[in-house]
Amino acid sequence: MKYTVLRPHQGDKWYGEGAAREARETEVQHLVDRGVLAKAEPAPRNKAVKAPRTKSAT
């Protein structure tokens, strides 16, 4: 699972604020509980982008 670092900390390496971190949920649950990590939100989909039109549709 992907997480966003809210506060700098040292895990298997140094993680600065705003960095992305991938880890198992059970291994970092204590960091989530203490507000060091937050689950990364998926990028919002752009609903304004339409599917390309095909030749048969024109």
N, C-alpha and C. Protein backbone atom coordinates (compact mmCIF):
# COMPACT_ATOMS: atom_id res chain seq x y z
N MET A 1 0.84 -1.16 0.00
CA MET A 1 0.00 0.00 0.00
C MET A 1 0.90 1.24 0.00
N LYS A 2 0.43 2.30 -0.61
CA LYS A 2 1.20 3.53 -0.70
C LYS A 2 0.76 4.51 0.38
N TYR A 3 1.76 5.20 0.93
CA TYR A 3 1.54 6.18 1.99
C TYR A 3 2.26 7.47 1.64
N THR A 4 1.76 8.56 2.18
CA THR A 4 2.40 9.87 2.08
C THR A 4 2.97 10.21 3.45
N VAL A 5 4.21 10.68 3.47
CA VAL A 5 4.88 11.00 4.72
C VAL A 5 4.45 12.40 5.17
N LEU A 6 3.88 12.49 6.37
CA LEU A 6 3.43 13.77 6.93
C LEU A 6 4.50 14.41 7.81
N ARG A 7 5.31 13.58 8.49
CA ARG A 7 6.41 14.06 9.33
C ARG A 7 7.65 13.25 9.00
N PRO A 8 8.82 13.90 8.91
CA PRO A 8 10.05 13.17 8.61
C PRO A 8 10.33 12.09 9.66
N HIS A 9 10.82 10.95 9.19
CA HIS A 9 11.18 9.86 10.10
C HIS A 9 12.16 8.93 9.41
N GLN A 10 12.77 8.07 10.21
CA GLN A 10 13.70 7.09 9.66
C GLN A 10 13.09 5.72 9.82
N GLY A 11 12.92 5.03 8.70
CA GLY A 11 12.43 3.66 8.70
C GLY A 11 13.56 2.79 8.18
N ASP A 12 13.31 2.10 7.06
CA ASP A 12 14.40 1.36 6.44
C ASP A 12 15.39 2.32 5.78
N LYS A 13 14.96 3.56 5.56
CA LYS A 13 15.81 4.66 5.09
C LYS A 13 15.17 5.95 5.59
N TRP A 14 15.78 7.09 5.31
CA TRP A 14 15.24 8.37 5.76
C TRP A 14 14.11 8.81 4.83
N TYR A 15 12.97 9.21 5.40
CA TYR A 15 11.82 9.69 4.65
C TYR A 15 11.54 11.13 5.07
N GLY A 16 11.56 12.03 4.09
CA GLY A 16 11.27 13.43 4.36
C GLY A 16 9.79 13.72 4.19
N GLU A 17 9.38 14.87 4.65
CA GLU A 17 7.98 15.27 4.57
C GLU A 17 7.55 15.36 3.11
N GLY A 18 6.39 14.78 2.78
CA GLY A 18 5.86 14.80 1.42
C GLY A 18 6.32 13.65 0.55
N ALA A 19 7.23 12.83 1.03
CA ALA A 19 7.73 11.70 0.25
C ALA A 19 6.66 10.61 0.16
N ALA A 20 6.79 9.79 -0.86
CA ALA A 20 5.90 8.64 -1.01
C ALA A 20 6.61 7.42 -0.44
N ARG A 21 5.87 6.58 0.24
CA ARG A 21 6.44 5.38 0.83
C ARG A 21 5.50 4.22 0.57
N GLU A 22 6.07 3.10 0.19
CA GLU A 22 5.27 1.90 0.00
C GLU A 22 5.66 0.89 1.06
N ALA A 23 4.67 0.36 1.78
CA ALA A 23 4.92 -0.58 2.86
C ALA A 23 3.67 -1.41 3.11
N ARG A 24 3.86 -2.49 3.85
CA ARG A 24 2.71 -3.29 4.26
C ARG A 24 1.95 -2.55 5.34
N GLU A 25 0.65 -2.65 5.29
CA GLU A 25 -0.20 -1.92 6.24
C GLU A 25 0.08 -2.33 7.68
N THR A 26 0.32 -3.60 7.92
CA THR A 26 0.57 -4.07 9.29
C THR A 26 1.91 -3.58 9.83
N GLU A 27 2.88 -3.31 8.96
CA GLU A 27 4.20 -2.88 9.40
C GLU A 27 4.24 -1.40 9.79
N VAL A 28 3.36 -0.59 9.23
CA VAL A 28 3.41 0.85 9.48
C VAL A 28 2.16 1.39 10.17
N GLN A 29 1.32 0.51 10.67
CA GLN A 29 0.08 0.95 11.32
C GLN A 29 0.36 1.87 12.50
N HIS A 30 1.43 1.61 13.26
CA HIS A 30 1.76 2.47 14.39
C HIS A 30 2.13 3.87 13.93
N LEU A 31 2.71 4.01 12.74
CA LEU A 31 3.04 5.32 12.21
C LEU A 31 1.79 6.06 11.74
N VAL A 32 0.85 5.33 11.18
CA VAL A 32 -0.42 5.93 10.77
C VAL A 32 -1.18 6.40 12.00
N ASP A 33 -1.20 5.59 13.05
CA ASP A 33 -1.89 5.95 14.29
C ASP A 33 -1.32 7.21 14.93
N ARG A 34 -0.02 7.42 14.79
CA ARG A 34 0.64 8.58 15.40
C ARG A 34 0.69 9.79 14.48
N GLY A 35 0.15 9.68 13.27
CA GLY A 35 0.09 10.82 12.37
C GLY A 35 1.37 11.08 11.59
N VAL A 36 2.23 10.07 11.49
CA VAL A 36 3.47 10.22 10.74
C VAL A 36 3.22 9.92 9.26
N LEU A 37 2.35 8.96 8.99
CA LEU A 37 2.01 8.57 7.62
C LEU A 37 0.51 8.70 7.40
N ALA A 38 0.13 8.90 6.14
CA ALA A 38 -1.27 8.91 5.74
C ALA A 38 -1.40 8.09 4.47
N LYS A 39 -2.50 7.39 4.33
CA LYS A 39 -2.71 6.62 3.12
C LYS A 39 -2.77 7.57 1.93
N ALA A 40 -2.06 7.21 0.87
CA ALA A 40 -2.02 8.05 -0.32
C ALA A 40 -3.35 7.95 -1.05
N GLU A 41 -3.87 9.08 -1.43
CA GLU A 41 -5.12 9.13 -2.18
C GLU A 41 -4.81 8.93 -3.67
N PRO A 42 -5.62 8.17 -4.37
CA PRO A 42 -5.40 8.04 -5.81
C PRO A 42 -5.64 9.37 -6.51
N ALA A 43 -4.96 9.58 -7.61
CA ALA A 43 -5.11 10.82 -8.35
C ALA A 43 -6.54 10.92 -8.88
N PRO A 44 -7.17 12.08 -8.77
CA PRO A 44 -8.54 12.22 -9.25
C PRO A 44 -8.61 12.08 -10.77
N ARG A 45 -9.66 11.45 -11.22
CA ARG A 45 -9.83 11.29 -12.67
C ARG A 45 -10.41 12.57 -13.24
N ASN A 46 -9.96 12.94 -14.40
CA ASN A 46 -10.46 14.12 -15.08
C ASN A 46 -11.71 13.72 -15.85
N LYS A 47 -12.86 14.10 -15.35
CA LYS A 47 -14.11 13.69 -15.98
C LYS A 47 -14.39 14.48 -17.25
N ALA A 48 -13.65 15.55 -17.49
CA ALA A 48 -13.88 16.36 -18.68
C ALA A 48 -13.28 15.70 -19.93
N VAL A 49 -12.36 14.79 -19.75
CA VAL A 49 -11.72 14.13 -20.89
C VAL A 49 -12.66 13.06 -21.41
N LYS A 50 -12.97 13.14 -22.68
CA LYS A 50 -13.86 12.17 -23.31
C LYS A 50 -13.04 11.13 -24.06
N ALA A 51 -13.64 9.99 -24.29
CA ALA A 51 -12.99 8.94 -25.06
C ALA A 51 -12.87 9.42 -26.52
N PRO A 52 -11.79 9.02 -27.20
CA PRO A 52 -11.65 9.44 -28.60
C PRO A 52 -12.77 8.87 -29.46
N ARG A 53 -13.20 9.67 -30.41
CA ARG A 53 -14.26 9.21 -31.31
C ARG A 53 -13.66 8.29 -32.36
N THR A 54 -14.42 7.30 -32.74
CA THR A 54 -13.97 6.38 -33.78
C THR A 54 -14.46 6.86 -35.13
N LYS A 55 -13.90 6.32 -36.19
CA LYS A 55 -14.31 6.71 -37.53
C LYS A 55 -15.76 6.37 -37.81
N SER A 56 -16.23 5.28 -37.23
CA SER A 56 -17.61 4.86 -37.47
C SER A 56 -18.61 5.81 -36.81
N ALA A 57 -18.20 6.54 -35.82
CA ALA A 57 -19.10 7.43 -35.11
C ALA A 57 -19.24 8.79 -35.81
N THR A 58 -18.40 9.09 -36.78
CA THR A 58 -18.46 10.40 -37.46
C THR A 58 -19.34 10.36 -38.68
